[in-house]
C-alpha atoms as a PDB file:
ATOM      1  CA  MET A   1     -51.451  19.796  12.478  1.00  0.00           C
ATOM      2  CA  ALA A   2     -54.060  17.607  14.289  1.00  0.00           C
ATOM      3  CA  ASN A   3     -51.097  17.105  16.973  1.00  0.00           C
ATOM      4  CA  ASN A   4     -50.875  21.072  17.488  1.00  0.00           C
ATOM      5  CA  ASN A   5     -54.707  21.680  17.742  1.00  0.00           C
ATOM      6  CA  TYR A   6     -54.881  18.586  20.250  1.00  0.00           C
ATOM      7  CA  THR A   7     -52.237  20.406  21.861  1.00  0.00           C
ATOM      8  CA  HIS A   8     -54.158  23.411  22.407  1.00  0.00           C
ATOM      9  CA  ASP A   9     -57.572  21.840  22.830  1.00  0.00           C
ATOM     10  CA  GLY A  10     -55.375  20.134  26.013  1.00  0.00           C
ATOM     11  CA  ARG A  11     -54.162  23.580  27.117  1.00  0.00           C
ATOM     12  CA  GLN A  12     -57.530  25.305  26.814  1.00  0.00           C
ATOM     13  CA  ALA A  13     -58.777  22.352  29.297  1.00  0.00           C
ATOM     14  CA  ILE A  14     -56.028  23.182  31.635  1.00  0.00           C
ATOM     15  CA  ALA A  15     -56.893  27.130  31.366  1.00  0.00           C
ATOM     16  CA  VAL A  16     -60.443  26.211  33.544  1.00  0.00           C
ATOM     17  CA  VAL A  17     -57.778  25.970  36.473  1.00  0.00           C
ATOM     18  CA  PRO A  18     -56.860  29.334  36.985  1.00  0.00           C
ATOM     19  CA  LEU A  19     -60.546  30.371  35.884  1.00  0.00           C
ATOM     20  CA  VAL A  20     -62.001  28.598  38.717  1.00  0.00           C
ATOM     21  CA  MET A  21     -59.649  30.161  41.287  1.00  0.00           C
ATOM     22  CA  MET A  22     -60.642  33.593  39.575  1.00  0.00           C
ATOM     23  CA  PHE A  23     -64.239  32.978  40.705  1.00  0.00           C
ATOM     24  CA  ALA A  24     -63.540  31.289  43.654  1.00  0.00           C
ATOM     25  CA  LEU A  25     -61.292  34.571  44.832  1.00  0.00           C
ATOM     26  CA  TRP A  26     -64.019  36.689  43.596  1.00  0.00           C
ATOM     27  CA  GLY A  27     -66.186  35.260  45.730  1.00  0.00           C
ATOM     28  CA  THR A  28     -64.668  34.682  48.724  1.00  0.00           C
ATOM     29  CA  GLY A  29     -63.663  38.923  48.375  1.00  0.00           C
ATOM     30  CA  LEU A  30     -67.427  39.388  48.082  1.00  0.00           C
ATOM     31  CA  PHE A  31     -68.413  37.314  51.193  1.00  0.00           C
ATOM     32  CA  VAL A  32     -65.551  38.807  53.311  1.00  0.00           C
ATOM     33  CA  TRP A  33     -66.711  42.403  51.879  1.00  0.00           C
ATOM     34  CA  SER A  34     -70.663  41.442  52.973  1.00  0.00           C
ATOM     35  CA  ARG A  35     -69.712  40.881  56.542  1.00  0.00           C
ATOM     36  CA  THR A  36     -66.714  43.419  56.900  1.00  0.00           C
ATOM     37  CA  GLY A  37     -67.023  46.242  55.032  1.00  0.00           C
ATOM     38  CA  ASP A  38     -63.623  46.014  53.933  1.00  0.00           C
ATOM     39  CA  VAL A  39     -63.176  47.612  50.613  1.00  0.00           C
ATOM     40  CA  VAL A  40     -59.503  47.123  50.412  1.00  0.00           C
ATOM     41  CA  THR A  41     -59.880  43.256  50.850  1.00  0.00           C
ATOM     42  CA  LEU A  42     -62.750  43.032  47.947  1.00  0.00           C
ATOM     43  CA  ILE A  43     -60.418  44.655  45.540  1.00  0.00           C
ATOM     44  CA  PHE A  44     -57.531  42.448  46.796  1.00  0.00           C
ATOM     45  CA  PHE A  45     -59.246  39.497  46.059  1.00  0.00           C
ATOM     46  CA  PHE A  46     -60.484  40.728  42.561  1.00  0.00           C
ATOM     47  CA  TYR A  47     -57.300  41.792  41.807  1.00  0.00           C
ATOM     48  CA  ILE A  48     -55.624  38.210  42.486  1.00  0.00           C
ATOM     49  CA  GLY A  49     -58.284  36.423  40.901  1.00  0.00           C
ATOM     50  CA  LEU A  50     -57.929  38.611  37.690  1.00  0.00           C
ATOM     51  CA  PHE A  51     -54.576  37.915  37.346  1.00  0.00           C
ATOM     52  CA  LEU A  52     -55.134  34.628  37.882  1.00  0.00           C
ATOM     53  CA  GLY A  53     -57.938  34.100  35.795  1.00  0.00           C
ATOM     54  CA  ALA A  54     -57.440  36.464  32.923  1.00  0.00           C
ATOM     55  CA  THR A  55     -53.718  36.491  32.707  1.00  0.00           C
ATOM     56  CA  ILE A  56     -52.404  33.078  34.002  1.00  0.00           C
ATOM     57  CA  GLY A  57     -55.062  31.075  32.091  1.00  0.00           C
ATOM     58  CA  GLY A  58     -55.406  33.037  29.287  1.00  0.00           C
ATOM     59  CA  TYR A  59     -51.659  32.619  28.570  1.00  0.00           C
ATOM     60  CA  ILE A  60     -51.852  28.531  28.905  1.00  0.00           C
ATOM     61  CA  GLY A  61     -54.923  28.700  26.729  1.00  0.00           C
ATOM     62  CA  VAL A  62     -54.433  31.284  23.683  1.00  0.00           C
ATOM     63  CA  PRO A  63     -52.341  29.847  20.689  1.00  0.00           C
ATOM     64  CA  ASP A  64     -48.861  29.986  20.656  1.00  0.00           C
ATOM     65  CA  ARG A  65     -48.846  33.139  18.074  1.00  0.00           C
ATOM     66  CA  ASP A  66     -50.816  35.099  20.948  1.00  0.00           C
ATOM     67  CA  ARG A  67     -48.694  34.419  24.094  1.00  0.00           C
ATOM     68  CA  PRO A  68     -46.497  36.941  23.608  1.00  0.00           C
ATOM     69  CA  ASP A  69     -49.000  39.402  24.470  1.00  0.00           C
ATOM     70  CA  MET A  70     -50.599  37.435  27.213  1.00  0.00           C
ATOM     71  CA  ARG A  71     -47.188  37.196  28.683  1.00  0.00           C
ATOM     72  CA  ARG A  72     -46.817  41.297  28.539  1.00  0.00           C
ATOM     73  CA  ALA A  73     -49.993  41.180  30.285  1.00  0.00           C
ATOM     74  CA  VAL A  74     -49.095  38.782  32.943  1.00  0.00           C
ATOM     75  CA  MET A  75     -46.091  41.221  33.384  1.00  0.00           C
ATOM     76  CA  LEU A  76     -48.214  44.221  33.446  1.00  0.00           C
ATOM     77  CA  MET A  77     -50.112  42.980  36.505  1.00  0.00           C
ATOM     78  CA  MET A  78     -47.343  41.190  38.209  1.00  0.00           C
ATOM     79  CA  GLY A  79     -44.923  43.981  38.159  1.00  0.00           C
ATOM     80  CA  GLY A  80     -47.835  46.868  38.513  1.00  0.00           C
ATOM     81  CA  MET A  81     -49.348  44.439  41.800  1.00  0.00           C
ATOM     82  CA  LEU A  82     -45.426  44.503  43.228  1.00  0.00           C
ATOM     83  CA  LEU A  83     -44.435  48.001  42.266  1.00  0.00           C
ATOM     84  CA  VAL A  84     -47.846  49.224  43.894  1.00  0.00           C
ATOM     85  CA  ALA A  85     -47.162  47.076  46.885  1.00  0.00           C
ATOM     86  CA  ALA A  86     -43.566  48.513  46.805  1.00  0.00           C
ATOM     87  CA  PHE A  87     -45.178  52.004  47.692  1.00  0.00           C
ATOM     88  CA  ALA A  88     -47.975  50.794  49.732  1.00  0.00           C
ATOM     89  CA  THR A  89     -46.255  48.665  52.755  1.00  0.00           C
ATOM     90  CA  ASP A  90     -43.530  51.500  53.399  1.00  0.00           C
ATOM     91  CA  HIS A  91     -40.473  48.910  52.811  1.00  0.00           C
ATOM     92  CA  GLY A  92     -38.416  51.848  51.504  1.00  0.00           C
ATOM     93  CA  ASN A  93     -35.989  51.918  48.963  1.00  0.00           C
ATOM     94  CA  MET A  94     -36.380  48.669  46.870  1.00  0.00           C
ATOM     95  CA  GLN A  95     -33.450  49.460  44.342  1.00  0.00           C
ATOM     96  CA  ILE A  96     -30.212  47.937  44.356  1.00  0.00           C
ATOM     97  CA  GLU A  97     -28.935  51.184  46.539  1.00  0.00           C
ATOM     98  CA  GLY A  98     -31.524  50.092  49.063  1.00  0.00           C
ATOM     99  CA  LEU A  99     -29.891  46.573  49.435  1.00  0.00           C
ATOM    100  CA  PHE A 100     -26.584  48.144  49.801  1.00  0.00           C
ATOM    101  CA  PHE A 101     -27.752  50.886  52.330  1.00  0.00           C
ATOM    102  CA  ALA A 102     -29.684  48.111  54.508  1.00  0.00           C
ATOM    103  CA  LEU A 103     -26.203  45.613  54.073  1.00  0.00           C
ATOM    104  CA  LEU A 104     -23.998  48.648  55.060  1.00  0.00           C
ATOM    105  CA  GLY A 105     -26.261  50.355  57.566  1.00  0.00           C
ATOM    106  CA  GLY A 106     -27.651  47.277  59.112  1.00  0.00           C
ATOM    107  CA  VAL A 107     -31.206  48.982  58.405  1.00  0.00           C
ATOM    108  CA  GLY A 108     -34.017  47.820  55.900  1.00  0.00           C
ATOM    109  CA  SER A 109     -34.568  44.117  56.773  1.00  0.00           C
ATOM    110  CA  PHE A 110     -37.325  43.573  54.333  1.00  0.00           C
ATOM    111  CA  VAL A 111     -35.378  44.468  50.832  1.00  0.00           C
ATOM    112  CA  ILE A 112     -32.682  42.290  51.803  1.00  0.00           C
ATOM    113  CA  ILE A 113     -35.360  39.461  51.996  1.00  0.00           C
ATOM    114  CA  HIS A 114     -36.409  40.707  49.125  1.00  0.00           C
ATOM    115  CA  TYR A 115     -33.112  40.323  46.797  1.00  0.00           C
ATOM    116  CA  LEU A 116     -32.326  37.184  48.623  1.00  0.00           C
ATOM    117  CA  LEU A 117     -35.566  35.447  47.601  1.00  0.00           C
ATOM    118  CA  ALA A 118     -36.368  37.308  44.325  1.00  0.00           C
ATOM    119  CA  LYS A 119     -33.151  37.995  42.779  1.00  0.00           C
ATOM    120  CA  ILE A 120     -30.152  35.700  44.798  1.00  0.00           C
ATOM    121  CA  VAL A 121     -31.895  32.286  45.868  1.00  0.00           C
ATOM    122  CA  GLY A 122     -34.684  32.544  43.447  1.00  0.00           C
ATOM    123  CA  PRO A 123     -32.698  32.036  40.138  1.00  0.00           C
ATOM    124  CA  LEU A 124     -30.819  28.664  41.469  1.00  0.00           C
ATOM    125  CA  ILE A 125     -34.280  27.357  41.130  1.00  0.00           C
ATOM    126  CA  PHE A 126     -35.578  29.111  38.398  1.00  0.00           C
ATOM    127  CA  GLY A 127     -33.229  31.055  36.456  1.00  0.00           C
ATOM    128  CA  ARG A 128     -33.896  34.794  35.758  1.00  0.00           C
ATOM    129  CA  ILE A 129     -37.583  34.344  35.600  1.00  0.00           C
ATOM    130  CA  TRP A 130     -38.102  37.510  37.670  1.00  0.00           C
ATOM    131  CA  CYS A 131     -36.875  39.626  34.348  1.00  0.00           C
ATOM    132  CA  GLY A 132     -39.042  37.599  31.819  1.00  0.00           C
ATOM    133  CA  TRP A 133     -42.464  37.958  34.238  1.00  0.00           C
ATOM    134  CA  ALA A 134     -42.585  40.559  37.296  1.00  0.00           C
ATOM    135  CA  CYS A 135     -40.153  43.112  36.949  1.00  0.00           C
ATOM    136  CA  TRP A 136     -41.135  46.691  37.313  1.00  0.00           C
ATOM    137  CA  PHE A 137     -38.980  47.842  34.429  1.00  0.00           C
ATOM    138  CA  GLY A 138     -39.463  45.173  32.133  1.00  0.00           C
ATOM    139  CA  MET A 139     -43.347  45.530  32.089  1.00  0.00           C
ATOM    140  CA  ILE A 140     -42.536  48.833  30.502  1.00  0.00           C
ATOM    141  CA  PHE A 141     -39.719  48.387  28.312  1.00  0.00           C
ATOM    142  CA  ASP A 142     -41.616  44.929  27.012  1.00  0.00           C
ATOM    143  CA  ILE A 143     -44.295  47.358  25.493  1.00  0.00           C
ATOM    144  CA  LEU A 144     -41.950  49.104  23.349  1.00  0.00           C
ATOM    145  CA  PRO A 145     -42.101  49.194  19.645  1.00  0.00           C
ATOM    146  CA  TYR A 146     -38.806  47.517  19.413  1.00  0.00           C
ATOM    147  CA  PRO A 147     -39.309  43.525  21.116  1.00  0.00           C
ATOM    148  CA  TYR A 148     -36.724  41.563  19.164  1.00  0.00           C
ATOM    149  CA  SER A 149     -33.112  43.213  17.785  1.00  0.00           C
ATOM    150  CA  ARG A 150     -30.991  41.334  15.731  1.00  0.00           C
ATOM    151  CA  TYR A 151     -28.074  41.225  17.353  1.00  0.00           C
ATOM    152  CA  ARG A 152     -26.032  42.518  20.654  1.00  0.00           C
ATOM    153  CA  HIS A 153     -23.356  45.218  20.575  1.00  0.00           C
ATOM    154  CA  ASP A 154     -19.821  43.926  21.046  1.00  0.00           C
ATOM    155  CA  GLY A 155     -19.870  41.735  24.513  1.00  0.00           C
ATOM    156  CA  GLN A 156     -17.802  44.444  26.196  1.00  0.00           C
ATOM    157  CA  TRP A 157     -20.877  46.574  26.548  1.00  0.00           C
ATOM    158  CA  GLY A 158     -21.904  43.727  29.139  1.00  0.00           C
ATOM    159  CA  TRP A 159     -19.584  45.172  31.579  1.00  0.00           C
ATOM    160  CA  VAL A 160     -21.132  48.327  31.861  1.00  0.00           C
ATOM    161  CA  ARG A 161     -23.752  47.053  33.906  1.00  0.00           C
ATOM    162  CA  VAL A 162     -21.137  45.368  36.466  1.00  0.00           C
ATOM    163  CA  GLY A 163     -19.645  48.914  36.382  1.00  0.00           C
ATOM    164  CA  HIS A 164     -23.028  50.395  37.111  1.00  0.00           C
ATOM    165  CA  PHE A 165     -23.223  48.055  40.001  1.00  0.00           C
ATOM    166  CA  ALA A 166     -19.956  48.865  41.562  1.00  0.00           C
ATOM    167  CA  LEU A 167     -20.565  52.518  41.182  1.00  0.00           C
ATOM    168  CA  SER A 168     -23.744  52.169  43.216  1.00  0.00           C
ATOM    169  CA  PHE A 169     -22.274  50.145  45.746  1.00  0.00           C
ATOM    170  CA  VAL A 170     -19.121  52.753  46.190  1.00  0.00           C
ATOM    171  CA  ILE A 171     -21.406  55.633  46.763  1.00  0.00           C
ATOM    172  CA  VAL A 172     -23.361  54.041  48.878  1.00  0.00           C
ATOM    173  CA  ALA A 173     -19.976  52.895  50.991  1.00  0.00           C
ATOM    174  CA  ILE A 174     -19.051  56.408  51.100  1.00  0.00           C
ATOM    175  CA  LEU A 175     -22.762  57.844  52.209  1.00  0.00           C
ATOM    176  CA  VAL A 176     -22.509  55.310  55.056  1.00  0.00           C
ATOM    177  CA  PHE A 177     -19.062  55.294  56.121  1.00  0.00           C
ATOM    178  CA  GLY A 178     -17.892  58.671  55.229  1.00  0.00           C
ATOM    179  CA  PHE A 179     -21.498  61.069  56.452  1.00  0.00           C
ATOM    180  CA  ASP A 180     -22.956  58.447  58.399  1.00  0.00           C
ATOM    181  CA  TYR A 181     -25.674  58.220  56.476  1.00  0.00           C
ATOM    182  CA  VAL A 182     -28.139  55.039  56.267  1.00  0.00           C
ATOM    183  CA  GLY A 183     -31.393  57.098  55.511  1.00  0.00           C
ATOM    184  CA  GLY A 184     -31.443  55.457  51.929  1.00  0.00           C
ATOM    185  CA  ALA A 185     -33.038  52.064  52.793  1.00  0.00           C
ATOM    186  CA  GLU A 186     -36.218  52.368  54.689  1.00  0.00           C
ATOM    187  CA  GLY A 187     -38.663  55.135  55.948  1.00  0.00           C
ATOM    188  CA  SER A 188     -39.525  58.081  53.985  1.00  0.00           C
ATOM    189  CA  SER A 189     -36.216  58.995  52.647  1.00  0.00           C
ATOM    190  CA  GLY A 190     -35.902  55.614  51.481  1.00  0.00           C
ATOM    191  CA  LEU A 191     -39.101  55.859  49.598  1.00  0.00           C
ATOM    192  CA  VAL A 192     -37.914  59.010  47.839  1.00  0.00           C
ATOM    193  CA  TRP A 193     -34.431  57.181  47.014  1.00  0.00           C
ATOM    194  CA  PHE A 194     -36.871  54.692  45.436  1.00  0.00           C
ATOM    195  CA  ILE A 195     -38.827  56.498  43.394  1.00  0.00           C
ATOM    196  CA  VAL A 196     -35.883  58.754  41.784  1.00  0.00           C
ATOM    197  CA  GLY A 197     -34.013  55.788  41.258  1.00  0.00           C
ATOM    198  CA  LEU A 198     -37.278  54.159  39.427  1.00  0.00           C
ATOM    199  CA  SER A 199     -37.811  57.364  37.757  1.00  0.00           C
ATOM    200  CA  LEU A 200     -34.123  57.359  36.199  1.00  0.00           C
ATOM    201  CA  TYR A 201     -34.264  53.494  35.457  1.00  0.00           C
ATOM    202  CA  TYR A 202     -37.224  53.831  33.617  1.00  0.00           C
ATOM    203  CA  ALA A 203     -35.873  57.352  31.584  1.00  0.00           C
ATOM    204  CA  VAL A 204     -32.933  55.726  31.001  1.00  0.00           C
ATOM    205  CA  GLY A 205     -34.074  52.300  29.854  1.00  0.00           C
ATOM    206  CA  ILE A 206     -36.578  54.015  27.429  1.00  0.00           C
ATOM    207  CA  GLY A 207     -34.396  56.236  26.132  1.00  0.00           C
ATOM    208  CA  MET A 208     -31.979  53.121  25.506  1.00  0.00           C
ATOM    209  CA  ALA A 209     -34.633  51.049  23.706  1.00  0.00           C
ATOM    210  CA  PHE A 210     -35.189  53.696  21.293  1.00  0.00           C
ATOM    211  CA  ALA A 211     -31.618  54.875  20.303  1.00  0.00           C
ATOM    212  CA  LEU A 212     -30.464  51.128  20.292  1.00  0.00           C
ATOM    213  CA  LYS A 213     -34.164  50.035  18.852  1.00  0.00           C
ATOM    214  CA  ASP A 214     -34.137  47.188  21.146  1.00  0.00           C
ATOM    215  CA  ASN A 215     -36.545  47.397  24.030  1.00  0.00           C
ATOM    216  CA  ARG A 216     -34.255  45.293  26.432  1.00  0.00           C
ATOM    217  CA  ALA A 217     -31.198  47.444  26.209  1.00  0.00           C
ATOM    218  CA  PHE A 218     -30.711  48.480  29.621  1.00  0.00           C
ATOM    219  CA  CYS A 219     -31.480  44.653  30.760  1.00  0.00           C
ATOM    220  CA  LYS A 220     -28.546  43.934  28.616  1.00  0.00           C
ATOM    221  CA  TYR A 221     -25.855  46.341  29.083  1.00  0.00           C
ATOM    222  CA  LEU A 222     -26.861  48.603  32.171  1.00  0.00           C
ATOM    223  CA  CYS A 223     -28.964  47.061  34.962  1.00  0.00           C
ATOM    224  CA  PRO A 224     -27.085  46.291  38.151  1.00  0.00           C
ATOM    225  CA  ILE A 225     -29.687  44.216  39.204  1.00  0.00           C
ATOM    226  CA  ALA A 226     -28.699  41.285  36.528  1.00  0.00           C
ATOM    227  CA  VAL A 227     -25.164  40.996  38.005  1.00  0.00           C
ATOM    228  CA  PRO A 228     -26.354  38.967  40.907  1.00  0.00           C
ATOM    229  CA  MET A 229     -28.846  37.274  39.087  1.00  0.00           C
ATOM    230  CA  LYS A 230     -26.424  35.881  36.515  1.00  0.00           C
ATOM    231  CA  ALA A 231     -24.247  34.593  39.106  1.00  0.00           C
ATOM    232  CA  THR A 232     -27.067  32.337  40.702  1.00  0.00           C
ATOM    233  CA  SER A 233     -28.833  31.214  37.580  1.00  0.00           C
ATOM    234  CA  ARG A 234     -25.905  29.559  35.927  1.00  0.00           C
ATOM    235  CA  PHE A 235     -26.950  26.708  38.561  1.00  0.00           C
ATOM    236  CA  SER A 236     -30.633  27.456  37.675  1.00  0.00           C
ATOM    237  CA  LEU A 237     -32.777  23.776  38.004  1.00  0.00           C
ATOM    238  CA  LEU A 238     -35.322  24.970  35.162  1.00  0.00           C
ATOM    239  CA  LYS A 239     -34.242  25.866  31.959  1.00  0.00           C
ATOM    240  CA  ILE A 240     -35.410  25.411  28.339  1.00  0.00           C
ATOM    241  CA  LYS A 241     -34.457  22.405  26.358  1.00  0.00           C
ATOM    242  CA  ALA A 242     -35.043  20.689  23.130  1.00  0.00           C
ATOM    243  CA  ARG A 243     -37.346  17.132  22.880  1.00  0.00           C
ATOM    244  CA  SER A 244     -34.518  15.733  20.583  1.00  0.00           C
ATOM    245  CA  THR A 245     -32.191  17.197  18.801  1.00  0.00           C
ATOM    246  CA  GLU A 246     -33.545  15.788  15.535  1.00  0.00           C
ATOM    247  CA  GLY A 247     -36.420  17.974  16.524  1.00  0.00           C
ATOM    248  CA  CYS A 248     -34.994  20.871  15.339  1.00  0.00           C
ATOM    249  CA  ALA A 249     -35.542  22.412  11.799  1.00  0.00           C
ATOM    250  CA  ASN A 250     -32.440  24.732  11.669  1.00  0.00           C
ATOM    251  CA  CYS A 251     -34.782  27.437  11.162  1.00  0.00           C
ATOM    252  CA  GLU A 252     -33.188  29.559  13.426  1.00  0.00           C
ATOM    253  CA  THR A 253     -36.563  31.489  14.416  1.00  0.00           C
ATOM    254  CA  CYS A 254     -35.976  30.877  17.781  1.00  0.00           C
ATOM    255  CA  VAL A 255     -32.527  32.975  17.558  1.00  0.00           C
ATOM    256  CA  GLU A 256     -34.365  35.543  15.711  1.00  0.00           C
ATOM    257  CA  MET A 257     -37.102  36.298  17.952  1.00  0.00           C
ATOM    258  CA  CYS A 258     -35.097  36.179  21.350  1.00  0.00           C
ATOM    259  CA  PRO A 259     -35.681  39.283  23.398  1.00  0.00           C
ATOM    260  CA  MET A 260     -32.048  38.965  24.628  1.00  0.00           C
ATOM    261  CA  ASN A 261     -30.098  37.434  21.197  1.00  0.00           C
ATOM    262  CA  ILE A 262     -29.191  33.740  22.735  1.00  0.00           C
ATOM    263  CA  ARG A 263     -28.505  31.217  20.145  1.00  0.00           C
ATOM    264  CA  VAL A 264     -31.039  28.740  21.120  1.00  0.00           C
ATOM    265  CA  LYS A 265     -30.102  26.521  18.244  1.00  0.00           C
ATOM    266  CA  ASP A 266     -26.684  26.233  19.321  1.00  0.00           C
ATOM    267  CA  TYR A 267     -27.342  24.786  22.494  1.00  0.00           C
ATOM    268  CA  VAL A 268     -30.001  22.667  20.877  1.00  0.00           C
ATOM    269  CA  VAL A 269     -27.371  20.844  18.536  1.00  0.00           C
ATOM    270  CA  GLY A 270     -24.997  20.408  20.859  1.00  0.00           C
ATOM    271  CA  GLY A 271     -27.500  18.188  23.041  1.00  0.00           C
ATOM    272  CA  GLN A 272     -27.579  20.996  25.962  1.00  0.00           C
ATOM    273  CA  ARG A 273     -30.316  22.915  27.557  1.00  0.00           C
ATOM    274  CA  VAL A 274     -30.325  26.704  27.074  1.00  0.00           C
ATOM    275  CA  LEU A 275     -27.436  27.572  29.508  1.00  0.00           C
ATOM    276  CA  SER A 276     -27.148  30.982  28.919  1.00  0.00           C
ATOM    277  CA  THR A 277     -27.452  33.102  31.616  1.00  0.00           C
ATOM    278  CA  GLU A 278     -29.264  35.843  29.865  1.00  0.00           C
ATOM    279  CA  CYS A 279     -32.155  33.589  29.366  1.00  0.00           C
ATOM    280  CA  THR A 280     -35.394  35.375  31.475  1.00  0.00           C
ATOM    281  CA  LEU A 281     -37.443  32.347  30.605  1.00  0.00           C
ATOM    282  CA  CYS A 282     -40.078  34.392  28.690  1.00  0.00           C
ATOM    283  CA  GLN A 283     -40.516  31.391  26.415  1.00  0.00           C
ATOM    284  CA  THR A 284     -40.841  33.336  23.553  1.00  0.00           C
ATOM    285  CA  CYS A 285     -38.137  30.599  21.620  1.00  0.00           C
ATOM    286  CA  ILE A 286     -40.813  27.826  22.809  1.00  0.00           C
ATOM    287  CA  ASN A 287     -44.112  29.849  21.233  1.00  0.00           C
ATOM    288  CA  VAL A 288     -42.383  30.471  18.108  1.00  0.00           C
ATOM    289  CA  CYS A 289     -40.613  27.076  17.092  1.00  0.00           C
ATOM    290  CA  PRO A 290     -42.348  25.805  14.254  1.00  0.00           C
ATOM    291  CA  LYS A 291     -41.364  22.465  14.960  1.00  0.00           C
ATOM    292  CA  ASP A 292     -43.054  22.368  18.843  1.00  0.00           C
ATOM    293  CA  ALA A 293     -39.358  21.269  19.400  1.00  0.00           C
ATOM    294  CA  LEU A 294     -38.767  23.332  22.745  1.00  0.00           C
ATOM    295  CA  ILE A 295     -40.131  22.756  26.482  1.00  0.00           C
ATOM    296  CA  LEU A 296     -39.270  24.042  29.985  1.00  0.00           C
ATOM    297  CA  THR A 297     -37.509  20.956  32.189  1.00  0.00           C
ATOM    298  CA  PHE A 298     -35.837  20.708  35.254  1.00  0.00           C
ATOM    299  CA  GLY A 299     -32.431  19.451  35.926  1.00  0.00           C
ATOM    300  CA  PHE A 300     -28.955  20.636  36.827  1.00  0.00           C
ATOM    301  CA  ASP A 301     -26.365  21.520  34.879  1.00  0.00           C
ATOM    302  CA  VAL A 302     -23.574  24.805  34.878  1.00  0.00           C
ATOM    303  CA  THR A 303     -21.656  26.225  32.079  1.00  0.00           C
ATOM    304  CA  ASP A 304     -19.584  29.137  31.598  1.00  0.00           C
ATOM    305  CA  ARG A 305     -20.796  29.182  28.344  1.00  0.00           C
ATOM    306  CA  GLU A 306     -22.831  32.301  26.751  1.00  0.00           C
ATOM    307  CA  ILE A 307     -23.687  31.795  23.148  1.00  0.00           C
ATOM    308  CA  LEU A 308     -25.074  35.211  22.102  1.00  0.00           C
ATOM    309  CA  ASP A 309     -25.895  36.890  18.687  1.00  0.00           C
ATOM    310  CA  HIS A 310     -23.210  39.525  18.691  1.00  0.00           C
ATOM    311  CA  GLU A 311     -22.648  42.605  16.055  1.00  0.00           C
ATOM    312  CA  PRO A 312     -19.413  41.105  14.494  1.00  0.00           C
ATOM    313  CA  ASP A 313     -21.136  37.627  13.950  1.00  0.00           C
ATOM    314  CA  VAL A 314     -24.085  38.785  12.206  1.00  0.00           C
ATOM    315  CA  LYS A 315     -22.314  40.793  10.285  1.00  0.00           C
ATOM    316  CA  ALA A 316     -20.283  38.490   9.128  1.00  0.00           C
ATOM    317  CA  GLN A 317     -22.992  35.883   8.638  1.00  0.00           C
ATOM    318  CA  ARG A 318     -24.954  38.767   6.261  1.00  0.00           C
ATOM    319  CA  GLU A 319     -21.664  39.446   4.115  1.00  0.00           C
ATOM    320  CA  LYS A 320     -21.182  35.726   3.869  1.00  0.00           C
ATOM    321  CA  TYR A 321     -24.487  35.421   2.586  1.00  0.00           C
ATOM    322  CA  ALA A 322     -24.538  38.296   0.599  1.00  0.00           C
ATOM    323  CA  ARG A 323     -21.134  37.239  -1.932  1.00  0.00           C
END
């Protein structure tokens, strides 16, 4: 217990750094505003400072049990900021269809840059951290009432998002090559595509969450953006690992609480890092582990092995223990 208190005290000391940065940014914003009268700049510095100090600093400093709530706060601020920026900067359609319009129609370079950095190259280093900390869909789904589903439905459901990805590509290809339409990437037309797609994804994602009692159902079964992210996150340098295989209590709390139904314990006892491309680095497993056995590490390892809790497996386990 003393070690846990020491660890928490150490985190609180580290949390002072983003708090200092928050006040520094606020001071900078006030100084610029006093000189220029630019209210937009003042709001920007205030928001970024609040994001760093209150949410990032809060996440670092709070006890483990409160970290899931702080992560959701981080995600709301980060996803909200990116969503507002997407509208305010007139970058057009940031949905996957916008990327296809940009690639096939030769327009909308910003959406290509965004996907290249955040969804393709980024996962090579940080995995699917976008999904767990910045996604403007996930920020809404994560505040719904079903954060921890007990299992995934049959593995074939995962192919639905591949079909969604392919269907989006085919529709855009038909519009570009069949009708010479390239307006779905940028400008006012691209923004309309973005708003319609955004609204549709929110409606479907929320509906799936309630129907399947799983906040992340859309992410697991239907999100087309997961398709390229899974392909590159296999090689991610940042992954979760056990401090030692002996540290695992075999309680499976990490499995029960994982929003993406990853069998974290199986990777741990196998002496591997958590290699699943479903991992969003939300760090729930790290925070709920009663032995404080899990940490984030940098390294290089690749596998095609996905160890997930699927519906038939969980039902078989329940029947076994019921006998």
